[in-house]
Amino acid sequence: MKGVMKFLKTLFLVVLVIGVLFILFLTFANYSSGFRAGVPTKISKKGFVFKTYEGTLNIGGLTNSPEGAIPTTWDFTVKSSADSVLQKIDQAILHSKRVKLLYHEKYVKFIWFGDTKYYVYDVEILNGD
């Protein structure tokens, strides 16, 4: 009986460690990195407990839908600690400037990290517009 209990405790610890490592991987690993360019149209602070900023980027072009042609947009998240990113997006919205948003895409979306899997970490305001 003692051997079975020791085996079950060891099995539980192994499963627990694997589960924690898997959650850590999903939290910190990036599925992809890249950028999107367009005109930011919205940024808003959301969340009841965990506050994040959710935005929309108009990337241009039109999508056909039953309601007619609508602009193509891309939704993204900015962590509330990224003040310089938020300031650049605010300025781009105020002056209708095109931007290049650099982002990391996560494997899964966690509700306490934002509404999307796309986390913007830097912004470049594009010249010539």
N, C-alpha and C. Protein backbone atom coordinates (compact mmCIF):
# COMPACT_ATOMS: atom_id res chain seq x y z
N MET A 1 0.82 -1.20 0.00
CA MET A 1 0.00 0.00 0.00
C MET A 1 0.86 1.25 0.00
N LYS A 2 1.98 1.22 0.76
CA LYS A 2 2.87 2.38 0.80
C LYS A 2 3.50 2.63 -0.57
N GLY A 3 3.80 1.56 -1.29
CA GLY A 3 4.40 1.71 -2.61
C GLY A 3 3.45 2.39 -3.60
N VAL A 4 2.15 2.05 -3.50
CA VAL A 4 1.15 2.65 -4.39
C VAL A 4 0.99 4.13 -4.07
N MET A 5 0.96 4.48 -2.79
CA MET A 5 0.81 5.89 -2.40
C MET A 5 2.02 6.71 -2.85
N LYS A 6 3.21 6.13 -2.71
CA LYS A 6 4.42 6.83 -3.14
C LYS A 6 4.39 7.04 -4.65
N PHE A 7 3.97 6.01 -5.39
CA PHE A 7 3.86 6.12 -6.84
C PHE A 7 2.85 7.21 -7.24
N LEU A 8 1.68 7.24 -6.57
CA LEU A 8 0.66 8.24 -6.89
C LEU A 8 1.15 9.66 -6.58
N LYS A 9 1.86 9.84 -5.46
CA LYS A 9 2.41 11.15 -5.13
C LYS A 9 3.43 11.58 -6.18
N THR A 10 4.30 10.67 -6.58
CA THR A 10 5.30 10.98 -7.59
C THR A 10 4.63 11.31 -8.93
N LEU A 11 3.63 10.53 -9.30
CA LEU A 11 2.89 10.78 -10.54
C LEU A 11 2.21 12.15 -10.50
N PHE A 12 1.61 12.48 -9.37
CA PHE A 12 0.95 13.78 -9.21
C PHE A 12 1.96 14.91 -9.37
N LEU A 13 3.12 14.80 -8.74
CA LEU A 13 4.15 15.84 -8.84
C LEU A 13 4.66 15.98 -10.27
N VAL A 14 4.86 14.87 -10.96
CA VAL A 14 5.33 14.93 -12.35
C VAL A 14 4.29 15.62 -13.23
N VAL A 15 3.03 15.26 -13.08
CA VAL A 15 1.96 15.88 -13.87
C VAL A 15 1.86 17.37 -13.52
N LEU A 16 1.97 17.72 -12.27
CA LEU A 16 1.91 19.11 -11.85
C LEU A 16 3.06 19.92 -12.45
N VAL A 17 4.28 19.40 -12.41
CA VAL A 17 5.43 20.10 -12.97
C VAL A 17 5.27 20.27 -14.47
N ILE A 18 4.83 19.23 -15.17
CA ILE A 18 4.62 19.32 -16.61
C ILE A 18 3.53 20.35 -16.92
N GLY A 19 2.46 20.37 -16.14
CA GLY A 19 1.39 21.35 -16.34
C GLY A 19 1.88 22.78 -16.14
N VAL A 20 2.67 23.01 -15.10
CA VAL A 20 3.21 24.35 -14.84
C VAL A 20 4.14 24.77 -15.97
N LEU A 21 5.00 23.88 -16.41
CA LEU A 21 5.91 24.19 -17.51
C LEU A 21 5.13 24.50 -18.80
N PHE A 22 4.06 23.78 -19.05
CA PHE A 22 3.24 24.01 -20.24
C PHE A 22 2.57 25.39 -20.17
N ILE A 23 2.02 25.75 -19.01
CA ILE A 23 1.39 27.06 -18.84
C ILE A 23 2.43 28.17 -19.00
N LEU A 24 3.63 27.99 -18.44
CA LEU A 24 4.69 28.98 -18.59
C LEU A 24 5.10 29.14 -20.05
N PHE A 25 5.17 28.03 -20.77
CA PHE A 25 5.50 28.09 -22.20
C PHE A 25 4.44 28.89 -22.95
N LEU A 26 3.17 28.59 -22.72
CA LEU A 26 2.10 29.30 -23.41
C LEU A 26 2.08 30.79 -23.06
N THR A 27 2.49 31.12 -21.85
CA THR A 27 2.48 32.51 -21.40
C THR A 27 3.63 33.32 -22.02
N PHE A 28 4.82 32.77 -22.07
CA PHE A 28 5.99 33.54 -22.46
C PHE A 28 6.50 33.29 -23.88
N ALA A 29 6.14 32.19 -24.50
CA ALA A 29 6.63 31.90 -25.85
C ALA A 29 5.78 32.62 -26.89
N ASN A 30 6.43 33.00 -27.97
CA ASN A 30 5.74 33.65 -29.08
C ASN A 30 5.54 32.67 -30.22
N TYR A 31 4.35 32.68 -30.79
CA TYR A 31 4.07 31.86 -31.96
C TYR A 31 4.69 32.51 -33.19
N SER A 32 4.57 33.84 -33.28
CA SER A 32 5.17 34.57 -34.39
C SER A 32 5.43 36.00 -33.96
N SER A 33 6.25 36.68 -34.76
CA SER A 33 6.51 38.10 -34.59
C SER A 33 6.39 38.75 -35.95
N GLY A 34 5.97 40.00 -35.97
CA GLY A 34 5.83 40.67 -37.25
C GLY A 34 5.38 42.09 -37.08
N PHE A 35 4.87 42.66 -38.17
CA PHE A 35 4.34 44.01 -38.11
C PHE A 35 3.16 44.14 -39.05
N ARG A 36 2.35 45.11 -38.77
CA ARG A 36 1.23 45.49 -39.63
C ARG A 36 1.24 47.00 -39.75
N ALA A 37 0.86 47.48 -40.93
CA ALA A 37 0.84 48.92 -41.17
C ALA A 37 -0.57 49.36 -41.50
N GLY A 38 -0.91 50.54 -41.05
CA GLY A 38 -2.22 51.10 -41.31
C GLY A 38 -2.45 52.33 -40.44
N VAL A 39 -3.71 52.71 -40.34
CA VAL A 39 -4.08 53.87 -39.54
C VAL A 39 -4.84 53.38 -38.31
N PRO A 40 -4.32 53.66 -37.11
CA PRO A 40 -5.05 53.26 -35.91
C PRO A 40 -6.33 54.07 -35.78
N THR A 41 -7.42 53.40 -35.47
CA THR A 41 -8.71 54.08 -35.37
C THR A 41 -9.25 54.12 -33.96
N LYS A 42 -8.70 53.27 -33.08
CA LYS A 42 -9.26 53.22 -31.73
C LYS A 42 -8.24 52.61 -30.78
N ILE A 43 -8.24 53.12 -29.56
CA ILE A 43 -7.51 52.49 -28.45
C ILE A 43 -8.34 52.74 -27.20
N SER A 44 -8.63 51.70 -26.46
CA SER A 44 -9.45 51.87 -25.26
C SER A 44 -8.93 50.97 -24.15
N LYS A 45 -9.06 51.46 -22.92
CA LYS A 45 -8.64 50.71 -21.74
C LYS A 45 -9.80 49.80 -21.34
N LYS A 46 -9.51 48.52 -21.20
CA LYS A 46 -10.55 47.55 -20.88
C LYS A 46 -10.09 46.65 -19.74
N GLY A 47 -11.04 46.01 -19.14
CA GLY A 47 -10.73 45.03 -18.12
C GLY A 47 -11.29 45.41 -16.78
N PHE A 48 -11.80 44.42 -16.06
CA PHE A 48 -12.36 44.65 -14.74
C PHE A 48 -11.27 44.57 -13.67
N VAL A 49 -10.47 43.53 -13.73
CA VAL A 49 -9.38 43.35 -12.77
C VAL A 49 -8.04 43.64 -13.43
N PHE A 50 -7.82 43.01 -14.59
CA PHE A 50 -6.57 43.17 -15.32
C PHE A 50 -6.80 44.16 -16.46
N LYS A 51 -6.20 45.34 -16.37
CA LYS A 51 -6.41 46.39 -17.35
C LYS A 51 -5.43 46.24 -18.52
N THR A 52 -5.98 46.26 -19.73
CA THR A 52 -5.18 46.28 -20.94
C THR A 52 -5.78 47.30 -21.89
N TYR A 53 -5.03 47.64 -22.89
CA TYR A 53 -5.50 48.56 -23.92
C TYR A 53 -5.76 47.75 -25.18
N GLU A 54 -6.95 47.90 -25.71
CA GLU A 54 -7.36 47.19 -26.92
C GLU A 54 -7.52 48.20 -28.04
N GLY A 55 -6.95 47.89 -29.20
CA GLY A 55 -7.00 48.83 -30.30
C GLY A 55 -7.41 48.18 -31.60
N THR A 56 -7.69 49.04 -32.57
CA THR A 56 -8.06 48.61 -33.91
C THR A 56 -7.22 49.39 -34.91
N LEU A 57 -6.70 48.68 -35.88
CA LEU A 57 -5.89 49.27 -36.93
C LEU A 57 -6.59 49.07 -38.26
N ASN A 58 -6.85 50.14 -38.99
CA ASN A 58 -7.42 50.04 -40.33
C ASN A 58 -6.27 49.78 -41.28
N ILE A 59 -6.19 48.55 -41.83
CA ILE A 59 -5.06 48.18 -42.66
C ILE A 59 -5.32 48.45 -44.14
N GLY A 60 -6.46 49.02 -44.44
CA GLY A 60 -6.76 49.39 -45.82
C GLY A 60 -7.47 48.27 -46.55
N GLY A 61 -7.97 48.62 -47.70
CA GLY A 61 -8.71 47.63 -48.48
C GLY A 61 -10.12 47.49 -47.95
N LEU A 62 -10.91 46.74 -48.68
CA LEU A 62 -12.30 46.53 -48.31
C LEU A 62 -12.61 45.05 -48.31
N THR A 63 -13.52 44.66 -47.43
CA THR A 63 -13.98 43.29 -47.34
C THR A 63 -15.46 43.27 -47.70
N ASN A 64 -15.84 42.35 -48.56
CA ASN A 64 -17.25 42.24 -48.91
C ASN A 64 -18.00 41.50 -47.82
N SER A 65 -19.15 42.02 -47.47
CA SER A 65 -20.00 41.39 -46.47
C SER A 65 -21.45 41.60 -46.88
N PRO A 66 -22.38 40.94 -46.22
CA PRO A 66 -23.80 41.15 -46.55
C PRO A 66 -24.25 42.60 -46.40
N GLU A 67 -23.58 43.36 -45.53
CA GLU A 67 -23.93 44.76 -45.33
C GLU A 67 -23.29 45.67 -46.37
N GLY A 68 -22.42 45.15 -47.22
CA GLY A 68 -21.70 45.95 -48.20
C GLY A 68 -20.21 45.87 -47.94
N ALA A 69 -19.47 46.75 -48.59
CA ALA A 69 -18.02 46.77 -48.42
C ALA A 69 -17.67 47.50 -47.13
N ILE A 70 -16.84 46.85 -46.30
CA ILE A 70 -16.41 47.46 -45.05
C ILE A 70 -14.88 47.47 -45.01
N PRO A 71 -14.29 48.45 -44.32
CA PRO A 71 -12.82 48.50 -44.23
C PRO A 71 -12.27 47.27 -43.51
N THR A 72 -11.08 46.85 -43.92
CA THR A 72 -10.40 45.73 -43.27
C THR A 72 -9.66 46.25 -42.05
N THR A 73 -9.93 45.65 -40.90
CA THR A 73 -9.29 46.09 -39.66
C THR A 73 -8.59 44.92 -38.98
N TRP A 74 -7.73 45.26 -38.05
CA TRP A 74 -6.97 44.29 -37.27
C TRP A 74 -7.00 44.72 -35.82
N ASP A 75 -7.38 43.82 -34.94
CA ASP A 75 -7.46 44.11 -33.52
C ASP A 75 -6.17 43.68 -32.83
N PHE A 76 -5.75 44.48 -31.85
CA PHE A 76 -4.50 44.21 -31.14
C PHE A 76 -4.63 44.63 -29.69
N THR A 77 -3.66 44.19 -28.88
CA THR A 77 -3.61 44.49 -27.46
C THR A 77 -2.28 45.17 -27.14
N VAL A 78 -2.34 46.15 -26.24
CA VAL A 78 -1.13 46.79 -25.71
C VAL A 78 -1.18 46.64 -24.20
N LYS A 79 -0.11 46.13 -23.62
CA LYS A 79 -0.07 46.01 -22.16
C LYS A 79 -0.06 47.39 -21.54
N SER A 80 -0.71 47.51 -20.39
CA SER A 80 -0.85 48.82 -19.76
C SER A 80 0.49 49.41 -19.31
N SER A 81 1.53 48.60 -19.25
CA SER A 81 2.85 49.10 -18.84
C SER A 81 3.63 49.73 -20.00
N ALA A 82 3.12 49.64 -21.22
CA ALA A 82 3.83 50.15 -22.40
C ALA A 82 3.41 51.58 -22.70
N ASP A 83 3.86 52.52 -21.86
CA ASP A 83 3.44 53.92 -21.99
C ASP A 83 3.88 54.56 -23.31
N SER A 84 5.11 54.31 -23.75
CA SER A 84 5.59 54.95 -24.98
C SER A 84 4.80 54.47 -26.20
N VAL A 85 4.43 53.20 -26.20
CA VAL A 85 3.62 52.65 -27.29
C VAL A 85 2.26 53.34 -27.31
N LEU A 86 1.66 53.48 -26.16
CA LEU A 86 0.34 54.12 -26.07
C LEU A 86 0.40 55.58 -26.52
N GLN A 87 1.44 56.29 -26.14
CA GLN A 87 1.58 57.69 -26.55
C GLN A 87 1.71 57.82 -28.06
N LYS A 88 2.49 56.95 -28.69
CA LYS A 88 2.66 57.00 -30.14
C LYS A 88 1.34 56.69 -30.86
N ILE A 89 0.61 55.70 -30.35
CA ILE A 89 -0.68 55.36 -30.96
C ILE A 89 -1.66 56.52 -30.79
N ASP A 90 -1.68 57.14 -29.61
CA ASP A 90 -2.56 58.31 -29.39
C ASP A 90 -2.25 59.42 -30.39
N GLN A 91 -0.96 59.72 -30.58
CA GLN A 91 -0.58 60.77 -31.52
C GLN A 91 -0.99 60.42 -32.95
N ALA A 92 -0.82 59.17 -33.32
CA ALA A 92 -1.19 58.74 -34.67
C ALA A 92 -2.70 58.85 -34.88
N ILE A 93 -3.49 58.52 -33.86
CA ILE A 93 -4.95 58.65 -33.97
C ILE A 93 -5.34 60.11 -34.09
N LEU A 94 -4.76 60.96 -33.26
CA LEU A 94 -5.10 62.38 -33.27
C LEU A 94 -4.77 63.05 -34.61
N HIS A 95 -3.69 62.62 -35.26
CA HIS A 95 -3.25 63.26 -36.50
C HIS A 95 -3.50 62.38 -37.73
N SER A 96 -4.27 61.31 -37.58
CA SER A 96 -4.60 60.39 -38.70
C SER A 96 -3.36 59.95 -39.46
N LYS A 97 -2.34 59.54 -38.74
CA LYS A 97 -1.08 59.10 -39.33
C LYS A 97 -1.06 57.58 -39.52
N ARG A 98 -0.37 57.15 -40.57
CA ARG A 98 -0.13 55.72 -40.75
C ARG A 98 0.98 55.29 -39.80
N VAL A 99 0.87 54.09 -39.29
CA VAL A 99 1.88 53.56 -38.37
C VAL A 99 2.26 52.15 -38.78
N LYS A 100 3.38 51.74 -38.27
CA LYS A 100 3.83 50.35 -38.37
C LYS A 100 3.84 49.81 -36.95
N LEU A 101 2.97 48.85 -36.67
CA LEU A 101 2.88 48.25 -35.34
C LEU A 101 3.66 46.94 -35.33
N LEU A 102 4.66 46.85 -34.46
CA LEU A 102 5.43 45.63 -34.29
C LEU A 102 4.81 44.82 -33.16
N TYR A 103 4.60 43.53 -33.40
CA TYR A 103 3.86 42.73 -32.43
C TYR A 103 4.43 41.33 -32.29
N HIS A 104 4.04 40.71 -31.19
CA HIS A 104 4.28 39.28 -30.95
C HIS A 104 2.91 38.61 -30.89
N GLU A 105 2.80 37.47 -31.55
CA GLU A 105 1.56 36.68 -31.47
C GLU A 105 1.81 35.51 -30.53
N LYS A 106 0.91 35.32 -29.58
CA LYS A 106 1.02 34.21 -28.63
C LYS A 106 0.29 32.99 -29.18
N TYR A 107 0.53 31.84 -28.58
CA TYR A 107 -0.12 30.61 -29.00
C TYR A 107 -1.60 30.60 -28.66
N VAL A 108 -1.94 31.10 -27.49
CA VAL A 108 -3.34 31.13 -27.05
C VAL A 108 -3.64 32.49 -26.44
N LYS A 109 -4.91 32.80 -26.34
CA LYS A 109 -5.35 34.05 -25.74
C LYS A 109 -5.80 33.77 -24.31
N PHE A 110 -5.14 34.43 -23.36
CA PHE A 110 -5.55 34.35 -21.96
C PHE A 110 -6.39 35.58 -21.65
N ILE A 111 -7.54 35.40 -21.02
CA ILE A 111 -8.44 36.53 -20.80
C ILE A 111 -7.83 37.60 -19.90
N TRP A 112 -6.89 37.24 -19.05
CA TRP A 112 -6.30 38.24 -18.16
C TRP A 112 -5.16 39.01 -18.84
N PHE A 113 -4.78 38.63 -20.08
CA PHE A 113 -3.75 39.35 -20.83
C PHE A 113 -4.32 40.24 -21.91
N GLY A 114 -5.62 40.19 -22.16
CA GLY A 114 -6.22 41.03 -23.19
C GLY A 114 -7.20 40.26 -24.04
N ASP A 115 -7.77 40.97 -25.02
CA ASP A 115 -8.80 40.39 -25.87
C ASP A 115 -8.25 39.69 -27.10
N THR A 116 -6.96 39.86 -27.40
CA THR A 116 -6.39 39.26 -28.60
C THR A 116 -5.13 38.47 -28.26
N LYS A 117 -4.60 37.79 -29.29
CA LYS A 117 -3.32 37.09 -29.16
C LYS A 117 -2.17 37.95 -29.67
N TYR A 118 -2.48 39.17 -30.14
CA TYR A 118 -1.48 40.04 -30.75
C TYR A 118 -1.11 41.17 -29.79
N TYR A 119 0.16 41.19 -29.34
CA TYR A 119 0.61 42.16 -28.36
C TYR A 119 1.62 43.11 -29.01
N VAL A 120 1.21 44.38 -29.17
CA VAL A 120 2.07 45.38 -29.79
C VAL A 120 3.11 45.82 -28.78
N TYR A 121 4.37 45.80 -29.20
CA TYR A 121 5.45 46.22 -28.30
C TYR A 121 6.20 47.44 -28.80
N ASP A 122 5.97 47.86 -30.05
CA ASP A 122 6.62 49.06 -30.55
C ASP A 122 5.79 49.65 -31.69
N VAL A 123 5.96 50.96 -31.92
CA VAL A 123 5.22 51.68 -32.96
C VAL A 123 6.19 52.58 -33.70
N GLU A 124 6.09 52.58 -35.02
CA GLU A 124 6.81 53.54 -35.84
C GLU A 124 5.79 54.35 -36.61
N ILE A 125 5.86 55.67 -36.48
CA ILE A 125 4.97 56.54 -37.26
C ILE A 125 5.61 56.71 -38.62
N LEU A 126 4.86 56.40 -39.69
CA LEU A 126 5.38 56.42 -41.04
C LEU A 126 5.29 57.81 -41.63
N ASN A 127 6.32 58.22 -42.34
CA ASN A 127 6.34 59.54 -42.99
C ASN A 127 5.74 59.43 -44.38
N GLY A 128 5.42 60.57 -44.95
CA GLY A 128 4.94 60.60 -46.31
C GLY A 128 3.44 60.59 -46.43
N ASP A 129 2.71 60.62 -45.33
CA ASP A 129 1.25 60.64 -45.40
C ASP A 129 0.74 62.01 -45.06
